[in-house]
Every structure is written in structure tokens, then in C-alpha cells.
Amino acid sequence: MRPSSWTRRSRNGAVAAFLATAVGLVGVAPAGADEPQPGGQRGPVVLRIIDGDTIEVRGDGRVIPDGAVARVRLLEIDTPERGDCFSREATARTAELLPIGSRLRTERDVELKDRFDRYLLYVWNDKDVFVNESLVRSGHATKVLFEPNDKYWPTMTRAEEAARQAGAGLWSACPAR
């Protein structure tokens, strides 16, 4: 016995409604999907390395406005100024850790900007390396306190002590350190 045309239409309508709902749900992101994920594709994009402790990025809308080009000063570190001992090496190391076009994870502290309108941030690269600490630990930077921004001060202190003891980077390359 063949189903009536009304039964076929009802069944076809139910199937169509189910498929439309299922297809529609595919495009719905689960809760938290727009949150940063380790190794994910969100975060500011590196545009340029200014020097060892300052970079230029394009914001992603979290700390730095979306699409805005901004300078970021890495918190709690200081690298040699241009022309000083180990300046080129420090800038080159920052460029290795933060390749142009790569994405970052950033974290702010108490004060967001300095008097030069640079964002004061802690930075992790796309391999989840804490760049501020890495530069100090390798001897490419020294620790410097940006009060009241002191969240990772104990970390920077330990990293600098390890670099000094090992004679890493500028601790052996530069006189009077």
C-alpha cells in the first residue's frame, strides 16, 4: 500500500525541517569558541620589530583595538639601545622569537600605556614562549621594574640571576655589567 500524498508531503517536510536545522547548527560556534586557544589563530599580529624590547603589532580587539597598528613595549625588561653593546643581538633575538606575521598572546598589568603611548604588555609567541622572560634568561635583556606593573617581577629576577651566573649574552659580551 502506497502512502497518501499528504503523508509523503508531511514526511518530506519533516525531513526538510530536520536537515535545515542540522545544517544551521553547523554554523553555530560553541560557547567560548571566540576565546583564545593555545596555538590558536587569534591575537595581535607582529608587523615590525623596532628594537629588542619594542615591537609594532596590529590589534585583535582584546587589549589593542581591532585592526589598530600600535607599538608594544615589553614589560619588565630592557634591551641595549641602538649602537650600544649587544643591541643588534638583542633585536635579532626578538625577531627570532616574534617573526613578522606571527600571532601573539598578550597580557596587561596595572598600567596599560606609557608616556610615549606604547602598550605595556607581557608577550607570548605562537609557540607559547614567554618572550619577556626568554630575553632576560638568554642575556639579551636585563630586568627593569615599570611600577606599578610588577606581576612577573620574581620571574624576571630569577631569569636575570640565571643569565648572570651563566655569563649569558650581554653579561659576558659587554664590559661593566
C-alpha atoms as a PDB file:
ATOM      1  CA  MET A   1       0.000   0.000   0.000  1.00  0.00           C
ATOM      2  CA  ARG A   2       1.367   3.383  -1.011  1.00  0.00           C
ATOM      3  CA  PRO A   3       1.316   6.253   1.458  1.00  0.00           C
ATOM      4  CA  SER A   4      -1.038   9.050   0.590  1.00  0.00           C
ATOM      5  CA  SER A   5       0.386  12.176  -0.984  1.00  0.00           C
ATOM      6  CA  TRP A   6      -0.412  14.098   2.221  1.00  0.00           C
ATOM      7  CA  THR A   7       1.671  11.611   4.309  1.00  0.00           C
ATOM      8  CA  ARG A   8       4.572  11.836   1.835  1.00  0.00           C
ATOM      9  CA  ARG A   9       4.469  15.631   1.940  1.00  0.00           C
ATOM     10  CA  SER A  10       4.395  15.661   5.762  1.00  0.00           C
ATOM     11  CA  ARG A  11       7.283  13.246   5.951  1.00  0.00           C
ATOM     12  CA  ASN A  12       9.255  15.214   3.322  1.00  0.00           C
ATOM     13  CA  GLY A  13       8.514  18.431   5.201  1.00  0.00           C
ATOM     14  CA  ALA A  14       9.735  16.913   8.477  1.00  0.00           C
ATOM     15  CA  VAL A  15      12.921  15.680   6.792  1.00  0.00           C
ATOM     16  CA  ALA A  16      13.480  19.107   5.223  1.00  0.00           C
ATOM     17  CA  ALA A  17      12.967  20.838   8.580  1.00  0.00           C
ATOM     18  CA  PHE A  18      15.383  18.434  10.269  1.00  0.00           C
ATOM     19  CA  LEU A  19      18.041  18.982   7.581  1.00  0.00           C
ATOM     20  CA  ALA A  20      17.636  22.762   7.714  1.00  0.00           C
ATOM     21  CA  THR A  21      18.070  22.702  11.487  1.00  0.00           C
ATOM     22  CA  ALA A  22      21.082  20.387  11.291  1.00  0.00           C
ATOM     23  CA  VAL A  23      22.754  22.476   8.582  1.00  0.00           C
ATOM     24  CA  GLY A  24      22.032  25.654  10.533  1.00  0.00           C
ATOM     25  CA  LEU A  25      23.634  24.262  13.675  1.00  0.00           C
ATOM     26  CA  VAL A  26      26.870  23.519  11.844  1.00  0.00           C
ATOM     27  CA  GLY A  27      27.493  27.273  11.572  1.00  0.00           C
ATOM     28  CA  VAL A  28      26.829  27.939  15.255  1.00  0.00           C
ATOM     29  CA  ALA A  29      30.016  28.195  17.285  1.00  0.00           C
ATOM     30  CA  PRO A  30      30.047  26.542  20.686  1.00  0.00           C
ATOM     31  CA  ALA A  31      30.215  28.775  23.752  1.00  0.00           C
ATOM     32  CA  GLY A  32      33.726  30.098  24.243  1.00  0.00           C
ATOM     33  CA  ALA A  33      34.792  29.432  20.655  1.00  0.00           C
ATOM     34  CA  ASP A  34      35.895  33.035  20.246  1.00  0.00           C
ATOM     35  CA  GLU A  35      38.144  32.801  23.298  1.00  0.00           C
ATOM     36  CA  PRO A  36      41.879  32.468  22.662  1.00  0.00           C
ATOM     37  CA  GLN A  37      43.029  28.904  22.344  1.00  0.00           C
ATOM     38  CA  PRO A  38      46.595  27.714  22.896  1.00  0.00           C
ATOM     39  CA  GLY A  39      48.221  27.688  19.487  1.00  0.00           C
ATOM     40  CA  GLY A  40      45.057  29.242  18.032  1.00  0.00           C
ATOM     41  CA  GLN A  41      44.829  31.858  15.332  1.00  0.00           C
ATOM     42  CA  ARG A  42      43.724  34.844  17.448  1.00  0.00           C
ATOM     43  CA  GLY A  43      45.904  37.536  18.893  1.00  0.00           C
ATOM     44  CA  PRO A  44      47.757  40.613  17.691  1.00  0.00           C
ATOM     45  CA  VAL A  45      49.891  40.149  14.570  1.00  0.00           C
ATOM     46  CA  VAL A  46      53.567  41.185  14.563  1.00  0.00           C
ATOM     47  CA  LEU A  47      54.189  43.848  11.909  1.00  0.00           C
ATOM     48  CA  ARG A  48      57.680  45.054  12.781  1.00  0.00           C
ATOM     49  CA  ILE A  49      60.485  44.741  15.321  1.00  0.00           C
ATOM     50  CA  ILE A  50      61.501  48.243  16.423  1.00  0.00           C
ATOM     51  CA  ASP A  51      64.303  47.090  18.733  1.00  0.00           C
ATOM     52  CA  GLY A  52      64.894  44.384  21.308  1.00  0.00           C
ATOM     53  CA  ASP A  53      62.098  45.456  23.646  1.00  0.00           C
ATOM     54  CA  THR A  54      59.631  47.257  21.352  1.00  0.00           C
ATOM     55  CA  ILE A  55      57.500  45.828  18.552  1.00  0.00           C
ATOM     56  CA  GLU A  56      54.712  47.031  16.290  1.00  0.00           C
ATOM     57  CA  VAL A  57      51.532  44.966  16.010  1.00  0.00           C
ATOM     58  CA  ARG A  58      48.046  45.011  14.517  1.00  0.00           C
ATOM     59  CA  GLY A  59      45.484  44.678  17.306  1.00  0.00           C
ATOM     60  CA  ASP A  60      42.872  41.948  17.581  1.00  0.00           C
ATOM     61  CA  GLY A  61      40.300  43.815  19.669  1.00  0.00           C
ATOM     62  CA  ARG A  62      41.099  42.404  23.083  1.00  0.00           C
ATOM     63  CA  VAL A  63      43.792  44.661  24.572  1.00  0.00           C
ATOM     64  CA  ILE A  64      44.644  46.638  21.433  1.00  0.00           C
ATOM     65  CA  PRO A  65      41.676  47.789  19.296  1.00  0.00           C
ATOM     66  CA  ASP A  66      40.879  45.521  16.355  1.00  0.00           C
ATOM     67  CA  GLY A  67      42.922  46.486  13.305  1.00  0.00           C
ATOM     68  CA  ALA A  68      44.789  49.285  15.091  1.00  0.00           C
ATOM     69  CA  VAL A  69      48.532  49.493  14.475  1.00  0.00           C
ATOM     70  CA  ALA A  70      50.256  50.015  17.814  1.00  0.00           C
ATOM     71  CA  ARG A  71      53.659  49.870  19.440  1.00  0.00           C
ATOM     72  CA  VAL A  72      54.143  47.430  22.299  1.00  0.00           C
ATOM     73  CA  ARG A  73      56.860  47.853  24.929  1.00  0.00           C
ATOM     74  CA  LEU A  74      57.688  44.516  26.553  1.00  0.00           C
ATOM     75  CA  LEU A  75      57.158  44.882  30.297  1.00  0.00           C
ATOM     76  CA  GLU A  76      59.820  44.404  32.963  1.00  0.00           C
ATOM     77  CA  ILE A  77      62.734  44.165  30.525  1.00  0.00           C
ATOM     78  CA  ASP A  78      65.268  46.486  28.938  1.00  0.00           C
ATOM     79  CA  THR A  79      67.484  45.716  25.960  1.00  0.00           C
ATOM     80  CA  PRO A  80      70.537  47.738  24.931  1.00  0.00           C
ATOM     81  CA  GLU A  81      69.776  50.875  22.934  1.00  0.00           C
ATOM     82  CA  ARG A  82      70.731  51.137  19.269  1.00  0.00           C
ATOM     83  CA  GLY A  83      74.509  51.467  18.994  1.00  0.00           C
ATOM     84  CA  ASP A  84      75.172  50.060  22.480  1.00  0.00           C
ATOM     85  CA  CYS A  85      76.902  46.773  23.206  1.00  0.00           C
ATOM     86  CA  PHE A  86      74.667  43.798  22.316  1.00  0.00           C
ATOM     87  CA  SER A  87      71.900  45.929  20.751  1.00  0.00           C
ATOM     88  CA  ARG A  88      71.972  44.133  17.394  1.00  0.00           C
ATOM     89  CA  GLU A  89      71.972  40.720  19.046  1.00  0.00           C
ATOM     90  CA  ALA A  90      69.012  41.647  21.271  1.00  0.00           C
ATOM     91  CA  THR A  91      66.984  42.951  18.333  1.00  0.00           C
ATOM     92  CA  ALA A  92      67.838  39.852  16.280  1.00  0.00           C
ATOM     93  CA  ARG A  93      66.761  37.566  19.138  1.00  0.00           C
ATOM     94  CA  THR A  94      63.445  39.390  19.471  1.00  0.00           C
ATOM     95  CA  ALA A  95      62.935  38.979  15.711  1.00  0.00           C
ATOM     96  CA  GLU A  96      63.619  35.231  16.038  1.00  0.00           C
ATOM     97  CA  LEU A  97      61.093  34.884  18.852  1.00  0.00           C
ATOM     98  CA  LEU A  98      58.482  37.090  17.144  1.00  0.00           C
ATOM     99  CA  PRO A  99      58.607  36.591  13.363  1.00  0.00           C
ATOM    100  CA  ILE A 100      56.799  39.133  11.197  1.00  0.00           C
ATOM    101  CA  GLY A 101      53.243  37.922  10.569  1.00  0.00           C
ATOM    102  CA  SER A 102      53.110  35.692  13.642  1.00  0.00           C
ATOM    103  CA  ARG A 103      50.408  35.998  16.278  1.00  0.00           C
ATOM    104  CA  LEU A 104      50.935  36.768  19.952  1.00  0.00           C
ATOM    105  CA  ARG A 105      49.205  36.260  23.220  1.00  0.00           C
ATOM    106  CA  THR A 106      49.414  39.368  25.372  1.00  0.00           C
ATOM    107  CA  GLU A 107      48.718  40.170  28.992  1.00  0.00           C
ATOM    108  CA  ARG A 108      48.454  43.582  30.560  1.00  0.00           C
ATOM    109  CA  ASP A 109      49.301  44.660  34.093  1.00  0.00           C
ATOM    110  CA  VAL A 110      48.101  47.684  36.094  1.00  0.00           C
ATOM    111  CA  GLU A 111      49.087  50.492  33.691  1.00  0.00           C
ATOM    112  CA  LEU A 112      48.291  49.836  30.048  1.00  0.00           C
ATOM    113  CA  LYS A 113      50.317  52.591  28.338  1.00  0.00           C
ATOM    114  CA  ASP A 114      53.488  54.579  28.922  1.00  0.00           C
ATOM    115  CA  ARG A 115      54.138  58.293  28.324  1.00  0.00           C
ATOM    116  CA  PHE A 116      55.044  57.502  24.700  1.00  0.00           C
ATOM    117  CA  ASP A 117      51.587  55.920  24.138  1.00  0.00           C
ATOM    118  CA  ARG A 118      53.087  52.433  23.798  1.00  0.00           C
ATOM    119  CA  TYR A 119      51.147  49.480  25.163  1.00  0.00           C
ATOM    120  CA  LEU A 120      52.960  47.930  28.142  1.00  0.00           C
ATOM    121  CA  LEU A 121      52.472  44.185  27.816  1.00  0.00           C
ATOM    122  CA  TYR A 122      53.741  40.734  28.604  1.00  0.00           C
ATOM    123  CA  VAL A 123      54.021  38.745  25.375  1.00  0.00           C
ATOM    124  CA  TRP A 124      53.935  35.037  24.485  1.00  0.00           C
ATOM    125  CA  ASN A 125      54.742  33.901  20.958  1.00  0.00           C
ATOM    126  CA  ASP A 126      52.835  31.342  18.887  1.00  0.00           C
ATOM    127  CA  LYS A 127      54.900  28.554  20.495  1.00  0.00           C
ATOM    128  CA  ASP A 128      53.755  29.743  23.954  1.00  0.00           C
ATOM    129  CA  VAL A 129      57.223  31.075  24.879  1.00  0.00           C
ATOM    130  CA  PHE A 130      57.074  33.933  27.401  1.00  0.00           C
ATOM    131  CA  VAL A 131      59.160  36.341  25.312  1.00  0.00           C
ATOM    132  CA  ASN A 132      59.878  38.879  28.074  1.00  0.00           C
ATOM    133  CA  GLU A 133      61.356  36.190  30.320  1.00  0.00           C
ATOM    134  CA  SER A 134      63.158  34.418  27.475  1.00  0.00           C
ATOM    135  CA  LEU A 135      65.047  37.589  26.520  1.00  0.00           C
ATOM    136  CA  VAL A 136      66.203  38.102  30.121  1.00  0.00           C
ATOM    137  CA  ARG A 137      67.109  34.433  30.664  1.00  0.00           C
ATOM    138  CA  SER A 138      69.212  34.324  27.472  1.00  0.00           C
ATOM    139  CA  GLY A 139      71.071  37.501  28.421  1.00  0.00           C
ATOM    140  CA  HIS A 140      69.586  39.616  25.632  1.00  0.00           C
ATOM    141  CA  ALA A 141      67.811  41.880  28.153  1.00  0.00           C
ATOM    142  CA  THR A 142      68.007  42.955  31.760  1.00  0.00           C
ATOM    143  CA  LYS A 143      65.099  43.191  34.168  1.00  0.00           C
ATOM    144  CA  VAL A 144      63.647  46.634  34.821  1.00  0.00           C
ATOM    145  CA  LEU A 145      60.687  47.492  37.014  1.00  0.00           C
ATOM    146  CA  PHE A 146      57.847  49.518  35.467  1.00  0.00           C
ATOM    147  CA  GLU A 147      55.952  50.352  38.664  1.00  0.00           C
ATOM    148  CA  PRO A 148      53.192  49.587  39.357  1.00  0.00           C
ATOM    149  CA  ASN A 149      53.491  46.845  36.701  1.00  0.00           C
ATOM    150  CA  ASP A 150      55.251  44.098  38.631  1.00  0.00           C
ATOM    151  CA  LYS A 151      53.223  40.927  38.069  1.00  0.00           C
ATOM    152  CA  TYR A 152      56.183  38.853  36.826  1.00  0.00           C
ATOM    153  CA  TRP A 153      58.947  40.603  38.774  1.00  0.00           C
ATOM    154  CA  PRO A 154      60.012  37.459  40.702  1.00  0.00           C
ATOM    155  CA  THR A 155      60.154  35.555  37.386  1.00  0.00           C
ATOM    156  CA  MET A 156      62.347  38.250  35.813  1.00  0.00           C
ATOM    157  CA  THR A 157      64.593  38.359  38.875  1.00  0.00           C
ATOM    158  CA  ARG A 158      65.206  34.597  38.699  1.00  0.00           C
ATOM    159  CA  ALA A 159      65.784  34.753  34.933  1.00  0.00           C
ATOM    160  CA  GLU A 160      68.348  37.547  35.257  1.00  0.00           C
ATOM    161  CA  GLU A 161      70.179  35.767  38.066  1.00  0.00           C
ATOM    162  CA  ALA A 162      70.436  32.631  35.917  1.00  0.00           C
ATOM    163  CA  ALA A 163      71.741  34.665  32.951  1.00  0.00           C
ATOM    164  CA  ARG A 164      74.335  36.444  35.119  1.00  0.00           C
ATOM    165  CA  GLN A 165      75.588  33.218  36.661  1.00  0.00           C
ATOM    166  CA  ALA A 166      75.873  31.600  33.229  1.00  0.00           C
ATOM    167  CA  GLY A 167      77.529  34.672  31.708  1.00  0.00           C
ATOM    168  CA  ALA A 168      74.845  34.564  29.021  1.00  0.00           C
ATOM    169  CA  GLY A 169      74.593  37.175  26.299  1.00  0.00           C
ATOM    170  CA  LEU A 170      75.351  40.714  27.373  1.00  0.00           C
ATOM    171  CA  TRP A 171      76.613  39.522  30.777  1.00  0.00           C
ATOM    172  CA  SER A 172      79.813  38.281  29.132  1.00  0.00           C
ATOM    173  CA  ALA A 173      79.841  40.317  25.910  1.00  0.00           C
ATOM    174  CA  CYS A 174      79.573  43.804  27.373  1.00  0.00           C
ATOM    175  CA  PRO A 175      82.053  45.456  29.744  1.00  0.00           C
ATOM    176  CA  ALA A 176      80.982  46.866  33.121  1.00  0.00           C
ATOM    177  CA  ARG A 177      77.942  44.655  33.593  1.00  0.00           C
END
